[in-house]
Amino acid sequence: MHSDTTVRQHNPAFWTTAERLHEVFHQLERQMSSSPRSLAVLRQVQALEAELEAEVLHRSRRTVAA
């Protein structure tokens, strides 16, 4: 299982959408951290991503319950 995790960490083809989003945000944060305005926009996008994730989880739970 550990080797599977290692393979996934180094091969984005195996990443989930959430993992890919997290990595893109991390890269953007490194590139945009010198600008307070850019960082504020990035934080807004991260907040929207969190809302979307919560919405998807809520919908998937409703689907499973139905």
Protein backbone atom coordinates (compact mmCIF):
# COMPACT_ATOMS: atom_id res chain seq x y z
CA MET A 1 0.00 0.00 0.00
CA HIS A 2 2.86 2.37 0.77
CA SER A 3 4.33 1.87 -2.71
CA ASP A 4 0.91 2.63 -4.22
CA THR A 5 0.82 5.90 -2.27
CA THR A 6 4.33 6.74 -3.46
CA VAL A 7 3.39 6.04 -7.07
CA ARG A 8 0.30 8.23 -6.74
CA GLN A 9 2.32 11.09 -5.22
CA HIS A 10 4.71 11.14 -8.15
CA ASN A 11 2.25 10.44 -10.95
CA PRO A 12 -0.51 13.05 -11.37
CA ALA A 13 -2.38 10.70 -13.71
CA PHE A 14 -3.49 8.78 -10.61
CA TRP A 15 -4.54 11.85 -8.61
CA THR A 16 -8.15 12.62 -7.81
CA THR A 17 -9.63 15.90 -8.96
CA ALA A 18 -9.35 17.25 -5.41
CA GLU A 19 -5.66 16.30 -5.26
CA ARG A 20 -5.00 17.99 -8.60
CA LEU A 21 -6.85 21.13 -7.45
CA HIS A 22 -4.83 21.19 -4.24
CA GLU A 23 -1.57 20.94 -6.19
CA VAL A 24 -2.59 23.73 -8.59
CA PHE A 25 -3.49 25.96 -5.63
CA HIS A 26 -0.13 25.17 -4.03
CA GLN A 27 1.72 26.14 -7.21
CA LEU A 28 -0.33 29.32 -7.60
CA GLU A 29 0.30 30.23 -3.98
CA ARG A 30 4.06 29.97 -4.51
CA GLN A 31 3.89 32.12 -7.64
CA MET A 32 1.43 34.70 -6.32
CA SER A 33 2.51 35.04 -2.70
CA SER A 34 4.50 38.21 -3.37
CA SER A 35 1.33 40.11 -4.28
CA PRO A 36 -1.24 40.65 -1.52
CA ARG A 37 -3.97 41.24 -4.10
CA SER A 38 -3.16 38.01 -5.96
CA LEU A 39 -3.05 36.12 -2.69
CA ALA A 40 -6.50 37.49 -1.77
CA VAL A 41 -7.91 36.26 -5.09
CA LEU A 42 -6.33 32.86 -4.51
CA ARG A 43 -7.95 32.66 -1.05
CA GLN A 44 -11.33 33.43 -2.62
CA VAL A 45 -10.86 30.63 -5.13
CA GLN A 46 -9.85 28.25 -2.33
CA ALA A 47 -12.98 29.18 -0.38
CA LEU A 48 -15.13 28.48 -3.43
CA GLU A 49 -13.40 25.14 -3.90
CA ALA A 50 -14.16 24.23 -0.28
CA GLU A 51 -17.82 25.18 -0.78
CA LEU A 52 -17.99 23.08 -3.93
CA GLU A 53 -16.41 20.11 -2.16
CA ALA A 54 -18.95 20.39 0.68
CA GLU A 55 -21.79 20.58 -1.84
CA VAL A 56 -20.55 17.51 -3.70
CA LEU A 57 -20.22 15.56 -0.43
CA HIS A 58 -23.73 16.59 0.59
CA ARG A 59 -25.18 15.51 -2.75
CA SER A 60 -23.31 12.21 -2.74
CA ARG A 61 -24.63 11.42 0.75
CA ARG A 62 -28.18 12.18 -0.41
CA THR A 63 -27.70 9.89 -3.40
CA VAL A 64 -26.39 7.06 -1.21
CA ALA A 65 -29.28 7.50 1.24
CA ALA A 66 -31.87 7.37 -1.55
